[in-house]
Amino acid sequence: MAADRPGATTRTLAWEVLPGGAHRGEDSLASEEPLEIRLLHGGVRHPVAVTMRTPGADFELAVGFMFSEGILRASEQLRRVSYCVDRDVDEQQRYNIVNVEMVGLAALDLAPLERHFSVTSACGVCGKATMEGLRLRGYGPAPDGPLFPADMLRSLPAKLRGAQRLFETTGGLHAAGLFTAAGDLVALREDVGRHNAVDKLIGWAFMENKLPLAGHLLMVSGRSSFELVQKSLAAGAPALCSVSAPSSLAVELAREFGLTLVGFLREERFKVYSGEERAGLA
C-alpha cells in the first residue's frame, strides 16, 4: 500500500481549560514536515536545501526557492518537477523530497546556497555579505509605480486574513498574498514559515508565467525580514507590506533597491519605511 501523503493539518488531543472547568478533545494543528529540495542537472543530483514547511504546494515552494536564489532564471530552464522515486528512500519520506530538473546550465555554482542546506520554518540568517551577494547577482532597482493609495493599503489585512483557509482551522500559519494596485487578491499561499509562503507564491507565479510582478504588491503576515525583501526584489514586485515590523536589514535593503516597504499595516494606520512615493507621500 502506498504511503499516505502528508497533509496540511494534523489532528491531535489536547486539554482545553476554561473558567468553568477543563475537557479533553481533538485539536487541529498546522503540519510541519521537512522538505528537501534537490536539483537534477546533467544526470547529477545536487542537494540544495532542507526547510521545515507545511505540506502542500511543494512544487511551487521548490521552484520559488530556486528562482529566489538565482539558480532558476527562465521557464525554458525548467524541465520537470517531481517527488522523489528513488528506491533507496523510505516510502514515507518520498513526499518530503522534491526534485527540480533543469536544462541549459553551462556551469553550476551552488556555493551561494550553502547557508540554506539546513534551515527552519523561521526566516534564515542573513547579513551584509548576503547584501553584497545580491549586488553581484545583478539585482536591479524595484520597478517604477504604481501608486498604492492609503485606503487601499488599509483594506489589505482583512482581505489577507479572510482568505487564510488553513489559518481558520489551525490558527498557526503565516500567509503571503499577491494583490493588484486596486487591492484585488490574485493569489495566496500559507505555510508555517513566512519565507516558505512567499516562495510558494513566487513558484506559482513562475509556473504560470506571471513574473515579474510589476504592478502588484506582496503582503505577508508577521514581520518583514531581509530575506522577504530579497525575494520580493527577485520576483520584480515594487512593494512589500506586512502586518508587523520590518528588521533593520530589511529596511536597508529596501531603501537601497527602491522597494516600497510598509510595516504595521492595520485598518487604522501603517508605517512606510522606504519607497514612500508609491504610497503618495513624496
Protein backbone atom coordinates (compact mmCIF):
# COMPACT_ATOMS: atom_id res chain seq x y z
CA MET A 1 0.00 0.00 0.00
CA ALA A 2 1.35 3.42 -0.93
CA ALA A 3 2.34 5.75 1.87
CA ASP A 4 -0.12 8.47 2.75
CA ARG A 5 0.87 11.89 1.52
CA PRO A 6 1.33 14.31 4.46
CA GLY A 7 -1.48 16.82 4.79
CA ALA A 8 -1.51 20.49 5.71
CA THR A 9 -3.22 19.81 9.04
CA THR A 10 -2.79 17.19 11.75
CA ARG A 11 -5.32 16.14 14.39
CA THR A 12 -4.22 15.72 17.99
CA LEU A 13 -5.65 15.57 21.51
CA ALA A 14 -5.38 18.49 23.90
CA TRP A 15 -6.87 19.70 27.18
CA GLU A 16 -8.86 22.93 26.92
CA VAL A 17 -9.01 24.83 30.19
CA LEU A 18 -11.89 27.28 30.64
CA PRO A 19 -13.08 29.30 33.64
CA GLY A 20 -15.77 26.69 34.30
CA GLY A 21 -13.53 23.64 34.04
CA ALA A 22 -11.47 21.60 31.59
CA HIS A 23 -12.16 18.99 28.98
CA ARG A 24 -10.11 16.88 26.62
CA GLY A 25 -10.83 16.87 22.92
CA GLU A 26 -9.43 16.96 19.41
CA ASP A 27 -7.50 19.92 18.08
CA SER A 28 -6.23 20.73 14.57
CA LEU A 29 -2.58 21.70 14.15
CA ALA A 30 -0.64 23.12 11.23
CA SER A 31 1.51 20.26 9.95
CA GLU A 32 5.27 20.81 9.91
CA GLU A 33 7.40 18.41 7.88
CA PRO A 34 10.90 18.62 6.40
CA LEU A 35 11.24 19.22 2.67
CA GLU A 36 14.49 18.52 0.87
CA ILE A 37 14.92 20.36 -2.42
CA ARG A 38 17.22 18.66 -4.93
CA LEU A 39 18.50 19.99 -8.23
CA LEU A 40 18.92 17.48 -11.08
CA HIS A 41 21.20 18.60 -13.89
CA GLY A 42 23.22 16.63 -16.41
CA GLY A 43 22.39 13.36 -14.68
CA VAL A 44 23.82 14.60 -11.37
CA ARG A 45 21.81 15.17 -8.20
CA HIS A 46 22.68 18.23 -6.09
CA PRO A 47 21.13 18.66 -2.62
CA VAL A 48 20.11 22.33 -2.43
CA ALA A 49 18.19 22.96 0.78
CA VAL A 50 16.21 21.44 3.61
CA THR A 51 13.39 23.51 5.07
CA MET A 52 10.60 22.85 7.53
CA ARG A 53 7.32 23.55 5.79
CA THR A 54 3.59 22.90 5.76
CA PRO A 55 2.92 20.18 3.16
CA GLY A 56 1.07 21.48 0.12
CA ALA A 57 2.18 23.43 -2.97
CA ASP A 58 5.55 21.68 -2.58
CA PHE A 59 6.45 22.05 -6.27
CA GLU A 60 5.71 25.77 -6.10
CA LEU A 61 7.85 26.05 -2.97
CA ALA A 62 10.81 24.31 -4.61
CA VAL A 63 10.57 26.32 -7.83
CA GLY A 64 10.04 29.59 -5.97
CA PHE A 65 13.04 28.93 -3.77
CA MET A 66 15.25 28.10 -6.75
CA PHE A 67 14.12 31.25 -8.55
CA SER A 68 14.53 33.49 -5.49
CA GLU A 69 18.08 32.22 -5.03
CA GLY A 70 19.04 32.93 -8.64
CA ILE A 71 19.54 29.34 -9.78
CA LEU A 72 16.38 29.08 -11.87
CA ARG A 73 16.03 32.15 -14.08
CA ALA A 74 13.81 31.33 -17.06
CA SER A 75 10.95 28.93 -17.75
CA GLU A 76 12.87 27.18 -20.52
CA GLN A 77 15.44 26.02 -17.92
CA LEU A 78 12.81 24.02 -16.04
CA ARG A 79 12.33 20.53 -17.43
CA ARG A 80 10.36 18.80 -14.69
CA VAL A 81 9.44 18.95 -11.00
CA SER A 82 8.64 15.72 -9.20
CA TYR A 83 8.64 13.93 -5.88
CA CYS A 84 11.46 11.51 -5.21
CA VAL A 85 11.02 7.96 -6.50
CA ASP A 86 14.47 6.64 -5.56
CA ARG A 87 14.21 3.07 -4.31
CA ASP A 88 16.68 3.72 -1.50
CA VAL A 89 14.40 6.37 0.03
CA ASP A 90 11.87 5.32 2.65
CA GLU A 91 8.42 5.35 1.07
CA GLN A 92 7.01 7.63 3.77
CA GLN A 93 9.67 10.26 3.01
CA ARG A 94 9.19 10.41 -0.75
CA TYR A 95 6.67 13.21 -0.45
CA ASN A 96 9.23 15.15 1.60
CA ILE A 97 11.76 15.30 -1.25
CA VAL A 98 11.24 17.36 -4.41
CA ASN A 99 13.46 17.07 -7.47
CA VAL A 100 13.80 20.11 -9.73
CA GLU A 101 15.26 19.02 -13.08
CA MET A 102 16.91 21.79 -15.08
CA VAL A 103 18.49 22.10 -18.51
CA GLY A 104 20.65 24.67 -20.25
CA LEU A 105 23.10 25.44 -17.46
CA ALA A 106 26.63 25.89 -18.80
CA ALA A 107 28.03 25.89 -15.26
CA LEU A 108 26.52 25.28 -11.87
CA ASP A 109 27.60 27.20 -8.77
CA LEU A 110 25.72 26.19 -5.63
CA ALA A 111 28.06 27.98 -3.22
CA PRO A 112 25.52 30.79 -2.56
CA LEU A 113 23.05 28.16 -1.35
CA GLU A 114 25.26 26.61 1.33
CA ARG A 115 23.60 28.63 4.09
CA HIS A 116 20.26 27.01 3.18
CA PHE A 117 21.12 23.34 3.46
CA SER A 118 19.64 23.24 6.94
CA VAL A 119 17.09 25.93 7.69
CA THR A 120 13.96 26.08 9.82
CA SER A 121 10.48 27.46 9.34
CA ALA A 122 11.80 30.75 10.77
CA CYS A 123 13.46 33.19 8.41
CA GLY A 124 17.05 32.38 7.51
CA VAL A 125 20.10 34.18 8.83
CA CYS A 126 21.29 36.95 6.55
CA GLY A 127 23.83 39.76 6.77
CA LYS A 128 25.99 42.29 4.99
CA ALA A 129 27.74 39.59 2.99
CA THR A 130 24.39 38.46 1.62
CA MET A 131 23.53 42.01 0.60
CA GLU A 132 26.79 42.26 -1.33
CA GLY A 133 25.95 38.93 -2.94
CA LEU A 134 22.69 40.40 -4.25
CA ARG A 135 24.61 43.22 -5.90
CA LEU A 136 26.96 40.74 -7.53
CA ARG A 137 24.00 38.72 -8.81
CA GLY A 138 22.81 41.76 -10.72
CA TYR A 139 19.78 42.75 -8.70
CA GLY A 140 18.33 45.94 -10.14
CA PRO A 141 16.06 48.58 -8.61
CA ALA A 142 12.41 47.84 -7.96
CA PRO A 143 10.19 48.77 -10.94
CA ASP A 144 8.57 52.21 -11.09
CA GLY A 145 4.98 52.70 -9.95
CA PRO A 146 2.20 52.08 -9.45
CA LEU A 147 0.57 54.23 -6.75
CA PHE A 148 -0.78 52.32 -3.75
CA PRO A 149 -3.36 54.60 -2.07
CA ALA A 150 -3.60 54.61 1.72
CA ASP A 151 -7.24 53.47 1.77
CA MET A 152 -6.38 50.50 -0.43
CA LEU A 153 -3.42 49.54 1.75
CA ARG A 154 -5.53 49.67 4.91
CA SER A 155 -8.01 47.24 3.33
CA LEU A 156 -5.42 44.52 2.76
CA PRO A 157 -5.07 42.95 6.24
CA ALA A 158 -8.75 41.99 6.36
CA LYS A 159 -8.58 40.58 2.82
CA LEU A 160 -5.48 38.54 3.63
CA ARG A 161 -6.94 37.23 6.87
CA GLY A 162 -10.28 36.42 5.25
CA ALA A 163 -8.60 34.26 2.60
CA GLN A 164 -6.49 32.20 5.03
CA ARG A 165 -8.41 28.94 4.89
CA LEU A 166 -5.86 26.89 6.85
CA PHE A 167 -5.39 29.58 9.49
CA GLU A 168 -9.11 29.36 10.23
CA THR A 169 -8.62 25.67 11.05
CA THR A 170 -5.32 25.77 12.92
CA GLY A 171 -4.55 29.34 13.98
CA GLY A 172 -0.87 28.58 13.34
CA LEU A 173 0.04 29.52 9.77
CA HIS A 174 1.57 32.52 8.04
CA ALA A 175 0.28 33.81 4.72
CA ALA A 176 1.65 35.59 1.67
CA GLY A 177 -0.75 37.31 -0.68
CA LEU A 178 -0.33 38.87 -4.09
CA PHE A 179 -2.51 41.94 -4.68
CA THR A 180 -3.12 44.27 -7.60
CA ALA A 181 -2.71 48.03 -7.27
CA ALA A 182 -6.51 48.20 -6.88
CA GLY A 183 -6.36 45.89 -3.85
CA ASP A 184 -7.69 42.74 -5.53
CA LEU A 185 -6.29 39.45 -4.24
CA VAL A 186 -4.68 37.48 -7.07
CA ALA A 187 -3.25 34.51 -5.15
CA LEU A 188 -2.49 33.44 -1.58
CA ARG A 189 -0.32 30.72 -0.06
CA GLU A 190 0.03 29.59 3.57
CA ASP A 191 2.85 27.91 5.49
CA VAL A 192 4.38 27.67 8.95
CA GLY A 193 7.18 29.88 7.60
CA ARG A 194 6.70 33.30 6.06
CA HIS A 195 9.55 32.77 3.62
CA ASN A 196 8.06 29.43 2.52
CA ALA A 197 4.68 31.08 1.89
CA VAL A 198 6.40 33.71 -0.27
CA ASP A 199 8.38 31.06 -2.16
CA LYS A 200 5.17 29.13 -2.84
CA LEU A 201 3.60 32.29 -4.21
CA ILE A 202 6.63 33.09 -6.37
CA GLY A 203 6.79 29.49 -7.59
CA TRP A 204 3.14 29.70 -8.61
CA ALA A 205 3.81 32.96 -10.49
CA PHE A 206 6.86 31.43 -12.22
CA MET A 207 4.98 28.35 -13.40
CA GLU A 208 2.02 30.48 -14.53
CA ASN A 209 4.35 32.84 -16.47
CA LYS A 210 3.29 35.81 -14.37
CA LEU A 211 6.77 37.04 -13.43
CA PRO A 212 7.90 39.74 -12.95
CA LEU A 213 5.26 41.00 -10.52
CA ALA A 214 5.40 44.63 -11.66
CA GLY A 215 2.21 46.50 -10.84
CA HIS A 216 1.49 44.25 -7.85
CA LEU A 217 2.43 44.13 -4.19
CA LEU A 218 3.22 41.29 -1.83
CA MET A 219 1.75 41.19 1.65
CA VAL A 220 2.83 38.87 4.45
CA SER A 221 1.56 38.10 7.90
CA GLY A 222 4.03 38.72 10.70
CA ARG A 223 7.19 40.74 10.16
CA SER A 224 9.31 41.63 7.12
CA SER A 225 12.85 40.24 7.09
CA PHE A 226 15.86 40.80 4.84
CA GLU A 227 15.06 37.51 3.16
CA LEU A 228 11.49 38.52 2.30
CA VAL A 229 12.68 41.82 0.80
CA GLN A 230 15.21 39.86 -1.27
CA LYS A 231 12.52 37.50 -2.55
CA SER A 232 10.25 40.45 -3.41
CA LEU A 233 13.04 42.05 -5.41
CA ALA A 234 13.80 38.77 -7.19
CA ALA A 235 10.14 38.49 -8.22
CA GLY A 236 10.07 42.07 -9.52
CA ALA A 237 7.44 43.31 -7.07
CA PRO A 238 7.61 47.06 -6.34
CA ALA A 239 6.19 46.79 -2.80
CA LEU A 240 6.18 44.54 0.25
CA CYS A 241 3.72 45.01 3.12
CA SER A 242 3.49 43.27 6.48
CA VAL A 243 1.24 43.45 9.50
CA SER A 244 4.21 43.67 11.85
CA ALA A 245 7.64 45.30 12.00
CA PRO A 246 10.49 45.10 9.48
CA SER A 247 14.03 44.30 10.53
CA SER A 248 16.82 46.84 10.20
CA LEU A 249 18.45 44.96 7.30
CA ALA A 250 15.08 44.67 5.56
CA VAL A 251 14.75 48.47 5.64
CA GLU A 252 18.34 48.96 4.50
CA LEU A 253 17.92 46.61 1.55
CA ALA A 254 14.54 48.06 0.56
CA ARG A 255 15.96 51.59 0.56
CA GLU A 256 18.99 50.58 -1.49
CA PHE A 257 16.87 49.00 -4.23
CA GLY A 258 13.93 51.40 -4.08
CA LEU A 259 11.32 48.90 -2.86
CA THR A 260 8.27 50.30 -1.07
CA LEU A 261 8.31 48.71 2.38
CA VAL A 262 5.22 49.04 4.57
CA GLY A 263 5.04 47.76 8.14
CA PHE A 264 2.50 47.65 10.96
CA LEU A 265 -0.23 47.63 8.30
CA ARG A 266 -3.58 47.71 10.10
CA GLU A 267 -7.03 49.03 9.28
CA GLU A 268 -6.30 52.27 11.16
CA ARG A 269 -2.65 53.01 10.37
CA PHE A 270 0.62 51.87 8.84
CA LYS A 271 4.27 52.94 8.55
CA VAL A 272 6.22 53.41 5.31
CA TYR A 273 9.97 52.78 5.64
CA SER A 274 11.07 53.18 2.01
CA GLY A 275 9.67 53.90 -1.43
CA GLU A 276 7.21 56.41 0.02
CA GLU A 277 6.50 57.86 -3.43
CA ARG A 278 4.37 54.82 -4.31
CA ALA A 279 2.28 55.49 -1.20
CA GLY A 280 1.70 59.07 -2.33
CA LEU A 281 3.95 60.53 0.37
CA ALA A 282 6.57 62.18 -1.83
